[in-house]
N, C-alpha and C. Protein backbone atom coordinates (compact mmCIF):
# COMPACT_ATOMS: atom_id res chain seq x y z
N MET A 1 1.19 2.20 -19.84
CA MET A 1 1.93 2.41 -18.60
C MET A 1 2.22 3.89 -18.39
N LYS A 2 2.31 4.65 -19.48
CA LYS A 2 2.58 6.08 -19.35
C LYS A 2 1.46 6.81 -18.62
N ALA A 3 0.25 6.28 -18.71
CA ALA A 3 -0.90 6.93 -18.09
C ALA A 3 -1.10 6.51 -16.63
N TRP A 4 -0.23 5.65 -16.12
CA TRP A 4 -0.37 5.16 -14.75
C TRP A 4 -0.29 6.34 -13.77
N PRO A 5 -1.27 6.50 -12.90
CA PRO A 5 -1.23 7.63 -11.97
C PRO A 5 -0.13 7.47 -10.91
N ASN A 6 0.32 8.56 -10.40
CA ASN A 6 1.31 8.57 -9.34
C ASN A 6 0.70 7.96 -8.09
N ASP A 7 1.42 7.06 -7.42
CA ASP A 7 0.93 6.45 -6.18
C ASP A 7 0.54 7.51 -5.15
N ALA A 8 1.26 8.61 -5.14
CA ALA A 8 1.00 9.65 -4.14
C ALA A 8 -0.42 10.19 -4.22
N ASP A 9 -1.00 10.21 -5.42
CA ASP A 9 -2.35 10.75 -5.57
C ASP A 9 -3.35 10.05 -4.65
N ALA A 10 -3.27 8.74 -4.55
CA ALA A 10 -4.19 7.99 -3.69
C ALA A 10 -3.98 8.35 -2.23
N TRP A 11 -2.73 8.54 -1.84
CA TRP A 11 -2.43 8.79 -0.42
C TRP A 11 -2.69 10.24 -0.04
N ILE A 12 -2.65 11.14 -1.00
CA ILE A 12 -3.07 12.53 -0.73
C ILE A 12 -4.57 12.53 -0.43
N GLY A 13 -5.33 11.76 -1.18
CA GLY A 13 -6.76 11.62 -0.90
C GLY A 13 -7.01 10.94 0.42
N ASP A 14 -6.23 9.92 0.73
CA ASP A 14 -6.37 9.21 2.00
C ASP A 14 -6.08 10.15 3.16
N ARG A 15 -5.07 10.99 3.00
CA ARG A 15 -4.73 11.97 4.05
C ARG A 15 -5.90 12.93 4.28
N ALA A 16 -6.55 13.36 3.20
CA ALA A 16 -7.71 14.25 3.35
C ALA A 16 -8.82 13.56 4.13
N MET A 17 -9.05 12.27 3.86
CA MET A 17 -10.06 11.54 4.62
C MET A 17 -9.63 11.41 6.08
N GLY A 18 -8.34 11.23 6.31
CA GLY A 18 -7.83 11.16 7.68
C GLY A 18 -8.05 12.47 8.43
N MET A 19 -7.84 13.58 7.75
CA MET A 19 -8.06 14.90 8.39
C MET A 19 -9.54 15.06 8.74
N HIS A 20 -10.41 14.56 7.90
CA HIS A 20 -11.84 14.59 8.21
C HIS A 20 -12.14 13.72 9.44
N ALA A 21 -11.48 12.57 9.52
CA ALA A 21 -11.67 11.68 10.68
C ALA A 21 -11.30 12.40 11.96
N TYR A 22 -10.26 13.20 11.93
CA TYR A 22 -9.88 13.94 13.14
C TYR A 22 -10.93 14.97 13.55
N GLU A 23 -11.61 15.53 12.59
CA GLU A 23 -12.71 16.45 12.93
C GLU A 23 -13.86 15.69 13.60
N VAL A 24 -14.10 14.48 13.15
CA VAL A 24 -15.13 13.63 13.79
C VAL A 24 -14.70 13.31 15.22
N VAL A 25 -13.41 13.02 15.42
CA VAL A 25 -12.89 12.75 16.76
C VAL A 25 -13.05 13.99 17.65
N ARG A 26 -12.74 15.17 17.11
CA ARG A 26 -12.89 16.40 17.88
C ARG A 26 -14.34 16.62 18.30
N ASP A 27 -15.26 16.13 17.49
CA ASP A 27 -16.68 16.25 17.79
C ASP A 27 -17.14 15.17 18.77
N GLY A 28 -16.21 14.31 19.21
CA GLY A 28 -16.54 13.27 20.18
C GLY A 28 -17.25 12.07 19.60
N LYS A 29 -17.18 11.89 18.28
CA LYS A 29 -17.95 10.82 17.62
C LYS A 29 -17.05 9.77 16.95
N ILE A 30 -15.94 9.46 17.56
CA ILE A 30 -15.00 8.50 16.98
C ILE A 30 -15.64 7.15 16.72
N LEU A 31 -16.62 6.77 17.53
CA LEU A 31 -17.22 5.45 17.38
C LEU A 31 -17.88 5.23 16.02
N ILE A 32 -18.33 6.30 15.38
CA ILE A 32 -18.96 6.13 14.06
C ILE A 32 -17.92 5.82 12.97
N LEU A 33 -16.65 6.03 13.28
CA LEU A 33 -15.58 5.75 12.34
C LEU A 33 -15.11 4.29 12.39
N LEU A 34 -15.45 3.60 13.46
CA LEU A 34 -14.92 2.26 13.68
C LEU A 34 -15.65 1.20 12.87
N THR A 35 -14.88 0.25 12.37
CA THR A 35 -15.47 -0.93 11.74
C THR A 35 -16.00 -1.84 12.85
N GLN A 36 -16.78 -2.82 12.47
CA GLN A 36 -17.29 -3.78 13.45
C GLN A 36 -16.13 -4.50 14.14
N GLU A 37 -15.12 -4.84 13.37
CA GLU A 37 -13.95 -5.54 13.94
C GLU A 37 -13.22 -4.65 14.95
N GLU A 38 -13.08 -3.36 14.62
CA GLU A 38 -12.42 -2.44 15.56
C GLU A 38 -13.25 -2.27 16.82
N MET A 39 -14.57 -2.18 16.66
CA MET A 39 -15.45 -2.06 17.83
C MET A 39 -15.26 -3.28 18.75
N GLU A 40 -15.25 -4.46 18.15
CA GLU A 40 -15.09 -5.68 18.94
C GLU A 40 -13.72 -5.73 19.61
N GLU A 41 -12.68 -5.34 18.89
CA GLU A 41 -11.33 -5.35 19.45
C GLU A 41 -11.21 -4.36 20.61
N PHE A 42 -11.72 -3.14 20.44
CA PHE A 42 -11.66 -2.15 21.52
C PHE A 42 -12.50 -2.59 22.71
N ALA A 43 -13.65 -3.22 22.47
CA ALA A 43 -14.48 -3.73 23.56
C ALA A 43 -13.75 -4.84 24.30
N LYS A 44 -13.10 -5.71 23.55
CA LYS A 44 -12.34 -6.81 24.15
C LYS A 44 -11.22 -6.28 25.04
N GLU A 45 -10.61 -5.18 24.59
CA GLU A 45 -9.53 -4.55 25.38
C GLU A 45 -10.07 -3.66 26.49
N GLU A 46 -11.39 -3.56 26.55
CA GLU A 46 -12.09 -2.76 27.56
C GLU A 46 -11.72 -1.28 27.51
N ILE A 47 -11.59 -0.76 26.28
CA ILE A 47 -11.32 0.67 26.12
C ILE A 47 -12.35 1.36 25.23
N LEU A 48 -13.34 0.60 24.77
CA LEU A 48 -14.34 1.17 23.86
C LEU A 48 -15.10 2.33 24.49
N GLU A 49 -15.50 2.19 25.74
CA GLU A 49 -16.29 3.24 26.39
C GLU A 49 -15.49 4.51 26.64
N THR A 50 -14.22 4.37 26.92
CA THR A 50 -13.38 5.54 27.21
C THR A 50 -12.72 6.12 25.96
N LEU A 51 -12.84 5.41 24.85
CA LEU A 51 -12.16 5.82 23.63
C LEU A 51 -12.55 7.23 23.16
N PRO A 52 -13.82 7.59 23.11
CA PRO A 52 -14.15 8.94 22.62
C PRO A 52 -13.46 10.05 23.41
N ALA A 53 -13.49 9.96 24.74
CA ALA A 53 -12.87 11.01 25.57
C ALA A 53 -11.35 10.97 25.44
N GLU A 54 -10.78 9.78 25.44
CA GLU A 54 -9.33 9.64 25.34
C GLU A 54 -8.81 10.15 23.99
N ALA A 55 -9.49 9.79 22.92
CA ALA A 55 -9.07 10.24 21.60
C ALA A 55 -9.21 11.75 21.47
N LYS A 56 -10.28 12.29 22.02
CA LYS A 56 -10.51 13.74 21.94
C LYS A 56 -9.46 14.50 22.74
N ARG A 57 -9.05 13.95 23.88
CA ARG A 57 -8.07 14.60 24.75
C ARG A 57 -6.73 14.80 24.03
N SER A 58 -6.34 13.83 23.21
CA SER A 58 -5.03 13.89 22.57
C SER A 58 -5.11 14.10 21.07
N VAL A 59 -6.24 14.60 20.58
CA VAL A 59 -6.47 14.67 19.13
C VAL A 59 -5.45 15.53 18.39
N ASP A 60 -5.03 16.64 18.97
CA ASP A 60 -4.09 17.52 18.26
C ASP A 60 -2.73 16.84 18.05
N LYS A 61 -2.18 16.24 19.10
CA LYS A 61 -0.90 15.54 18.98
C LYS A 61 -1.02 14.33 18.07
N ASP A 62 -2.15 13.64 18.19
CA ASP A 62 -2.40 12.47 17.35
C ASP A 62 -2.42 12.87 15.88
N GLU A 63 -3.14 13.94 15.57
CA GLU A 63 -3.22 14.39 14.18
C GLU A 63 -1.87 14.86 13.67
N LEU A 64 -1.12 15.53 14.51
CA LEU A 64 0.22 15.98 14.11
C LEU A 64 1.10 14.77 13.76
N TYR A 65 1.03 13.73 14.58
CA TYR A 65 1.78 12.51 14.31
C TYR A 65 1.36 11.91 12.97
N TYR A 66 0.05 11.85 12.76
CA TYR A 66 -0.49 11.30 11.52
C TYR A 66 -0.03 12.11 10.30
N LEU A 67 -0.15 13.42 10.38
CA LEU A 67 0.22 14.27 9.25
C LEU A 67 1.72 14.19 8.96
N ASP A 68 2.53 14.10 10.00
CA ASP A 68 3.98 13.96 9.80
C ASP A 68 4.28 12.62 9.13
N SER A 69 3.63 11.57 9.59
CA SER A 69 3.82 10.25 8.97
C SER A 69 3.37 10.25 7.52
N MET A 70 2.21 10.85 7.25
CA MET A 70 1.70 10.89 5.88
C MET A 70 2.58 11.73 4.97
N ARG A 71 3.16 12.80 5.51
CA ARG A 71 4.09 13.61 4.70
C ARG A 71 5.26 12.74 4.24
N LYS A 72 5.79 11.93 5.16
CA LYS A 72 6.90 11.04 4.80
C LYS A 72 6.46 9.98 3.81
N ILE A 73 5.29 9.42 4.05
CA ILE A 73 4.77 8.35 3.18
C ILE A 73 4.52 8.89 1.78
N ILE A 74 3.84 10.01 1.69
CA ILE A 74 3.54 10.60 0.37
C ILE A 74 4.84 10.99 -0.34
N GLY A 75 5.77 11.53 0.41
CA GLY A 75 7.06 11.89 -0.18
C GLY A 75 7.83 10.69 -0.70
N SER A 76 7.59 9.53 -0.10
CA SER A 76 8.31 8.32 -0.52
C SER A 76 7.73 7.70 -1.79
N CYS A 77 6.57 8.17 -2.21
CA CYS A 77 5.87 7.55 -3.35
C CYS A 77 6.58 7.73 -4.68
N SER A 78 7.60 8.57 -4.73
CA SER A 78 8.36 8.71 -5.98
C SER A 78 9.30 7.51 -6.18
N ARG A 79 9.46 6.70 -5.13
CA ARG A 79 10.30 5.49 -5.22
C ARG A 79 9.40 4.26 -5.29
N PRO A 80 9.87 3.16 -5.87
CA PRO A 80 9.05 1.95 -5.90
C PRO A 80 8.81 1.41 -4.48
N TYR A 81 7.75 0.65 -4.35
CA TYR A 81 7.36 0.14 -3.03
C TYR A 81 8.50 -0.56 -2.30
N HIS A 82 9.25 -1.41 -3.00
CA HIS A 82 10.30 -2.17 -2.31
C HIS A 82 11.34 -1.25 -1.68
N GLU A 83 11.45 -0.02 -2.13
CA GLU A 83 12.37 0.94 -1.52
C GLU A 83 11.71 1.72 -0.39
N ARG A 84 10.40 1.58 -0.22
CA ARG A 84 9.67 2.27 0.85
C ARG A 84 9.52 1.41 2.10
N VAL A 85 9.84 0.14 2.00
CA VAL A 85 9.60 -0.80 3.09
C VAL A 85 10.24 -0.33 4.39
N ASP A 86 11.45 0.22 4.32
CA ASP A 86 12.12 0.68 5.53
C ASP A 86 11.35 1.81 6.22
N LEU A 87 10.72 2.67 5.46
CA LEU A 87 9.91 3.74 6.06
C LEU A 87 8.75 3.14 6.85
N PHE A 88 8.09 2.14 6.29
CA PHE A 88 6.98 1.51 7.00
C PHE A 88 7.47 0.80 8.27
N LYS A 89 8.64 0.18 8.19
CA LYS A 89 9.22 -0.46 9.38
C LYS A 89 9.49 0.58 10.45
N GLU A 90 10.01 1.74 10.05
CA GLU A 90 10.31 2.82 10.98
C GLU A 90 9.04 3.32 11.66
N ILE A 91 7.98 3.49 10.91
CA ILE A 91 6.71 3.95 11.47
C ILE A 91 6.16 2.90 12.44
N ARG A 92 6.18 1.62 12.03
CA ARG A 92 5.70 0.54 12.92
C ARG A 92 6.52 0.50 14.21
N LYS A 93 7.83 0.61 14.09
CA LYS A 93 8.70 0.57 15.27
C LYS A 93 8.38 1.74 16.20
N ASN A 94 8.22 2.93 15.63
CA ASN A 94 7.91 4.10 16.44
C ASN A 94 6.58 3.94 17.16
N LEU A 95 5.58 3.44 16.46
CA LEU A 95 4.28 3.21 17.09
C LEU A 95 4.38 2.16 18.19
N GLN A 96 5.14 1.10 17.94
CA GLN A 96 5.30 0.05 18.94
C GLN A 96 5.98 0.60 20.20
N GLU A 97 6.96 1.46 20.03
CA GLU A 97 7.65 2.06 21.17
C GLU A 97 6.72 2.93 22.00
N LYS A 98 5.76 3.58 21.36
CA LYS A 98 4.81 4.45 22.06
C LYS A 98 3.59 3.68 22.57
N ARG A 99 3.45 2.42 22.18
CA ARG A 99 2.23 1.63 22.37
C ARG A 99 1.60 1.74 23.76
N ASP A 100 2.35 1.58 24.80
CA ASP A 100 1.78 1.58 26.15
C ASP A 100 2.00 2.89 26.90
N SER A 101 2.25 3.96 26.15
CA SER A 101 2.47 5.25 26.79
C SER A 101 1.31 6.20 26.50
N ALA A 102 1.28 7.29 27.24
CA ALA A 102 0.24 8.31 27.02
C ALA A 102 0.44 9.03 25.68
N GLU A 103 1.61 8.88 25.08
CA GLU A 103 1.90 9.53 23.80
C GLU A 103 1.46 8.72 22.59
N PHE A 104 0.91 7.53 22.81
CA PHE A 104 0.50 6.70 21.69
C PHE A 104 -0.65 7.38 20.94
N PRO A 105 -0.47 7.62 19.63
CA PRO A 105 -1.53 8.24 18.83
C PRO A 105 -2.59 7.20 18.43
N VAL A 106 -3.61 7.04 19.27
CA VAL A 106 -4.56 5.95 19.09
C VAL A 106 -5.28 6.00 17.74
N VAL A 107 -5.66 7.17 17.28
CA VAL A 107 -6.36 7.27 16.00
C VAL A 107 -5.41 6.92 14.86
N ALA A 108 -4.23 7.52 14.87
CA ALA A 108 -3.25 7.21 13.81
C ALA A 108 -2.77 5.77 13.91
N GLY A 109 -2.40 5.35 15.11
CA GLY A 109 -1.78 4.06 15.30
C GLY A 109 -2.70 2.87 15.18
N ARG A 110 -3.96 3.04 15.60
CA ARG A 110 -4.88 1.91 15.59
C ARG A 110 -5.84 1.93 14.42
N MET A 111 -5.99 3.08 13.77
CA MET A 111 -6.98 3.19 12.71
C MET A 111 -6.37 3.64 11.37
N LEU A 112 -5.84 4.83 11.32
CA LEU A 112 -5.48 5.44 10.04
C LEU A 112 -4.19 4.90 9.43
N LEU A 113 -3.22 4.55 10.25
CA LEU A 113 -1.95 4.04 9.71
C LEU A 113 -1.83 2.52 9.84
N ALA A 114 -2.80 1.90 10.48
CA ALA A 114 -2.69 0.48 10.81
C ALA A 114 -2.47 -0.41 9.58
N ASP A 115 -3.16 -0.16 8.50
CA ASP A 115 -3.05 -1.01 7.31
C ASP A 115 -2.52 -0.28 6.09
N ILE A 116 -1.91 0.86 6.29
CA ILE A 116 -1.50 1.68 5.15
C ILE A 116 -0.44 0.98 4.29
N GLU A 117 0.45 0.22 4.90
CA GLU A 117 1.47 -0.46 4.12
C GLU A 117 0.83 -1.49 3.18
N LYS A 118 -0.23 -2.14 3.63
CA LYS A 118 -0.92 -3.10 2.77
C LYS A 118 -1.45 -2.41 1.52
N GLY A 119 -1.96 -1.20 1.67
CA GLY A 119 -2.44 -0.45 0.52
C GLY A 119 -1.33 -0.15 -0.48
N HIS A 120 -0.17 0.19 0.03
CA HIS A 120 0.98 0.46 -0.84
C HIS A 120 1.42 -0.83 -1.55
N ALA A 121 1.40 -1.94 -0.83
CA ALA A 121 1.77 -3.23 -1.44
C ALA A 121 0.77 -3.61 -2.53
N ILE A 122 -0.50 -3.34 -2.30
CA ILE A 122 -1.52 -3.63 -3.31
C ILE A 122 -1.27 -2.79 -4.56
N GLN A 123 -0.96 -1.50 -4.37
CA GLN A 123 -0.64 -0.65 -5.52
C GLN A 123 0.54 -1.21 -6.30
N ALA A 124 1.58 -1.62 -5.59
CA ALA A 124 2.78 -2.14 -6.24
C ALA A 124 2.48 -3.44 -6.97
N ARG A 125 1.67 -4.28 -6.37
CA ARG A 125 1.32 -5.55 -7.01
C ARG A 125 0.51 -5.29 -8.28
N GLU A 126 -0.42 -4.36 -8.23
CA GLU A 126 -1.20 -4.04 -9.43
C GLU A 126 -0.30 -3.49 -10.53
N ARG A 127 0.64 -2.66 -10.14
CA ARG A 127 1.58 -2.12 -11.12
C ARG A 127 2.41 -3.25 -11.73
N ALA A 128 2.89 -4.16 -10.88
CA ALA A 128 3.68 -5.29 -11.37
C ALA A 128 2.86 -6.15 -12.33
N ASN A 129 1.60 -6.40 -12.00
CA ASN A 129 0.74 -7.18 -12.89
C ASN A 129 0.62 -6.50 -14.26
N CYS A 130 0.35 -5.21 -14.25
CA CYS A 130 0.19 -4.48 -15.51
C CYS A 130 1.49 -4.43 -16.31
N GLU A 131 2.61 -4.22 -15.62
CA GLU A 131 3.89 -4.21 -16.32
C GLU A 131 4.19 -5.56 -16.95
N ALA A 132 3.92 -6.62 -16.21
CA ALA A 132 4.18 -7.97 -16.73
C ALA A 132 3.32 -8.24 -17.96
N TRP A 133 2.05 -7.86 -17.91
CA TRP A 133 1.18 -8.04 -19.08
C TRP A 133 1.68 -7.21 -20.25
N ALA A 134 2.08 -5.97 -19.99
CA ALA A 134 2.58 -5.12 -21.07
C ALA A 134 3.84 -5.71 -21.69
N LEU A 135 4.73 -6.23 -20.85
CA LEU A 135 5.95 -6.86 -21.37
C LEU A 135 5.62 -8.10 -22.19
N ALA A 136 4.74 -8.94 -21.67
CA ALA A 136 4.39 -10.17 -22.37
C ALA A 136 3.70 -9.88 -23.69
N LEU A 137 2.75 -8.97 -23.67
CA LEU A 137 2.01 -8.67 -24.90
C LEU A 137 2.89 -8.00 -25.95
N ALA A 138 3.79 -7.13 -25.51
CA ALA A 138 4.70 -6.50 -26.47
C ALA A 138 5.61 -7.55 -27.11
N ARG A 139 6.15 -8.42 -26.30
CA ARG A 139 7.03 -9.47 -26.82
C ARG A 139 6.27 -10.41 -27.75
N ALA A 140 5.06 -10.77 -27.36
CA ALA A 140 4.26 -11.71 -28.14
C ALA A 140 3.82 -11.13 -29.47
N SER A 141 3.66 -9.82 -29.52
CA SER A 141 3.19 -9.19 -30.76
C SER A 141 4.32 -8.59 -31.58
N GLY A 142 5.56 -8.72 -31.10
CA GLY A 142 6.70 -8.21 -31.84
C GLY A 142 6.86 -6.70 -31.74
N ARG A 143 6.27 -6.10 -30.75
CA ARG A 143 6.38 -4.65 -30.58
C ARG A 143 7.45 -4.31 -29.55
N ARG A 144 7.80 -3.03 -29.52
CA ARG A 144 8.80 -2.55 -28.57
C ARG A 144 8.23 -2.68 -27.15
N PRO A 145 8.96 -3.32 -26.24
CA PRO A 145 8.46 -3.48 -24.87
C PRO A 145 8.53 -2.17 -24.09
N PRO A 146 7.69 -2.02 -23.09
CA PRO A 146 7.79 -0.84 -22.24
C PRO A 146 9.12 -0.86 -21.49
N LEU A 147 9.51 0.25 -20.94
CA LEU A 147 10.81 0.37 -20.29
C LEU A 147 10.87 -0.21 -18.88
N CYS A 148 9.79 -0.81 -18.42
CA CYS A 148 9.79 -1.39 -17.08
C CYS A 148 10.58 -2.70 -17.08
N THR A 149 11.49 -2.84 -16.14
CA THR A 149 12.30 -4.04 -16.08
C THR A 149 12.28 -4.68 -14.70
N THR A 150 11.84 -3.93 -13.69
CA THR A 150 11.95 -4.38 -12.31
C THR A 150 10.59 -4.35 -11.63
N ASN A 151 10.25 -5.41 -10.94
CA ASN A 151 9.01 -5.50 -10.19
C ASN A 151 9.05 -4.47 -9.05
N PRO A 152 8.10 -3.50 -9.02
CA PRO A 152 8.11 -2.49 -7.98
C PRO A 152 7.79 -3.05 -6.59
N LEU A 153 7.19 -4.21 -6.54
CA LEU A 153 6.84 -4.83 -5.26
C LEU A 153 8.07 -5.43 -4.59
N THR A 154 8.91 -6.10 -5.37
CA THR A 154 10.04 -6.84 -4.79
C THR A 154 11.41 -6.31 -5.17
N GLY A 155 11.50 -5.57 -6.26
CA GLY A 155 12.80 -5.12 -6.75
C GLY A 155 13.51 -6.14 -7.62
N LYS A 156 12.87 -7.30 -7.84
CA LYS A 156 13.46 -8.31 -8.71
C LYS A 156 13.23 -7.95 -10.17
N LYS A 157 14.20 -8.29 -11.01
CA LYS A 157 14.06 -8.09 -12.45
C LYS A 157 13.02 -9.07 -12.99
N TYR A 158 12.18 -8.59 -13.89
CA TYR A 158 11.27 -9.49 -14.58
C TYR A 158 12.11 -10.42 -15.44
N ARG A 159 11.67 -11.65 -15.57
CA ARG A 159 12.37 -12.62 -16.41
C ARG A 159 11.40 -13.04 -17.51
N ILE A 160 11.77 -12.76 -18.75
CA ILE A 160 10.91 -13.09 -19.89
C ILE A 160 11.48 -14.35 -20.56
N VAL A 161 10.60 -15.35 -20.67
CA VAL A 161 11.02 -16.64 -21.22
C VAL A 161 10.10 -16.99 -22.39
N LYS A 162 10.73 -17.41 -23.50
CA LYS A 162 9.95 -17.90 -24.64
C LYS A 162 10.12 -19.40 -24.70
N GLN A 163 9.01 -20.11 -24.65
CA GLN A 163 9.03 -21.56 -24.76
C GLN A 163 7.96 -21.97 -25.77
N ARG A 164 8.40 -22.66 -26.78
CA ARG A 164 7.51 -23.09 -27.86
C ARG A 164 6.74 -21.88 -28.39
N ASN A 165 5.44 -21.88 -28.25
CA ASN A 165 4.62 -20.78 -28.77
C ASN A 165 4.10 -19.89 -27.65
N LEU A 166 4.80 -19.85 -26.54
CA LEU A 166 4.35 -19.05 -25.40
C LEU A 166 5.42 -18.08 -24.94
N ILE A 167 4.96 -16.95 -24.42
CA ILE A 167 5.84 -15.98 -23.77
C ILE A 167 5.40 -15.94 -22.30
N ALA A 168 6.35 -16.12 -21.40
CA ALA A 168 6.06 -16.09 -19.97
C ALA A 168 6.91 -14.99 -19.32
N VAL A 169 6.27 -14.20 -18.46
CA VAL A 169 6.99 -13.19 -17.67
C VAL A 169 6.94 -13.65 -16.22
N TRP A 170 8.14 -13.88 -15.67
CA TRP A 170 8.27 -14.35 -14.28
C TRP A 170 8.67 -13.21 -13.36
N ASN A 171 8.67 -13.49 -12.06
CA ASN A 171 9.01 -12.54 -11.00
C ASN A 171 7.98 -11.41 -10.91
N VAL A 172 6.72 -11.78 -11.09
CA VAL A 172 5.64 -10.81 -11.05
C VAL A 172 5.13 -10.63 -9.62
N GLY A 173 5.05 -11.70 -8.86
CA GLY A 173 4.52 -11.66 -7.50
C GLY A 173 5.62 -11.47 -6.47
N THR A 174 5.34 -11.94 -5.28
CA THR A 174 6.28 -11.78 -4.17
C THR A 174 7.34 -12.87 -4.15
N GLY A 175 7.12 -13.92 -4.94
CA GLY A 175 8.06 -15.04 -4.94
C GLY A 175 7.70 -16.10 -3.91
N GLN A 176 6.70 -15.84 -3.09
CA GLN A 176 6.23 -16.83 -2.12
C GLN A 176 5.56 -17.98 -2.87
N PRO A 177 5.50 -19.17 -2.28
CA PRO A 177 4.94 -20.33 -2.99
C PRO A 177 3.55 -20.10 -3.60
N ASN A 178 2.70 -19.38 -2.95
CA ASN A 178 1.36 -19.14 -3.48
C ASN A 178 1.29 -17.91 -4.37
N ASP A 179 2.43 -17.28 -4.60
CA ASP A 179 2.42 -16.02 -5.34
C ASP A 179 3.61 -15.94 -6.30
N ASP A 180 3.77 -16.97 -7.10
CA ASP A 180 4.90 -16.94 -8.03
C ASP A 180 4.52 -17.39 -9.44
N GLN A 181 3.27 -17.23 -9.80
CA GLN A 181 2.82 -17.62 -11.13
C GLN A 181 3.20 -16.56 -12.17
N PRO A 182 3.63 -16.99 -13.34
CA PRO A 182 3.99 -16.03 -14.38
C PRO A 182 2.76 -15.54 -15.14
N VAL A 183 2.96 -14.47 -15.88
CA VAL A 183 1.98 -14.03 -16.87
C VAL A 183 2.36 -14.75 -18.15
N VAL A 184 1.40 -15.45 -18.77
CA VAL A 184 1.69 -16.25 -19.96
C VAL A 184 0.73 -15.86 -21.08
N VAL A 185 1.30 -15.61 -22.26
CA VAL A 185 0.48 -15.28 -23.45
C VAL A 185 1.03 -16.06 -24.64
N PRO A 186 0.19 -16.31 -25.65
CA PRO A 186 0.69 -16.99 -26.85
C PRO A 186 1.61 -16.05 -27.64
N ASP A 187 2.65 -16.62 -28.22
CA ASP A 187 3.60 -15.84 -29.02
C ASP A 187 3.03 -15.67 -30.42
N LEU A 188 2.64 -14.46 -30.77
CA LEU A 188 2.07 -14.15 -32.07
C LEU A 188 3.03 -13.39 -32.97
N SER A 189 4.27 -13.20 -32.51
CA SER A 189 5.21 -12.35 -33.23
C SER A 189 5.57 -12.88 -34.62
N LYS A 190 5.46 -14.16 -34.83
CA LYS A 190 5.80 -14.74 -36.13
C LYS A 190 4.56 -15.16 -36.92
N THR A 191 3.38 -14.90 -36.37
CA THR A 191 2.12 -15.25 -37.05
C THR A 191 1.79 -14.18 -38.06
N LYS A 192 1.39 -14.60 -39.25
CA LYS A 192 0.99 -13.63 -40.28
C LYS A 192 -0.43 -13.19 -40.03
N SER A 193 -0.69 -11.92 -40.30
CA SER A 193 -2.04 -11.38 -40.12
C SER A 193 -2.92 -11.76 -41.26
């Protein structure tokens, strides 16, 4: 767990890719950045044909909005995901308020920031999985457990339960019905080598 990289590292790289995307927009080639789903959605909304010119017209303000949002997001990475949720709500609310105005940052709002919270949640879930395994394996082998006690995804304390010859670590997922399975390992702490 000590070697776990800082979450911010991934988002610093993501920001660099976003800055490259803005250069593509400035070159009038935004369409090459779109996924098939985005192309279909923009076509359905009847804005696909005007998108290159519209995005290019407001590219500087759009990029400024994106960079300001990313500065806040990257700065928040020193806290666990469950403490960052309010920042993502604030960004979503701000984008929603601008949605039907000329100030809406289409590149940031529809492409670059659209799924960024999901990425942070995935990072937190992966961290929670690794912490739970580290806790379970340390307990099962009789070693000192890592200092992690709280799921970074939810803020809930991990619950370690020993039953018969098993060690189970609970509160690893979101707690939703399809996401509440524990990490379970055999208890080897009393087994002779």
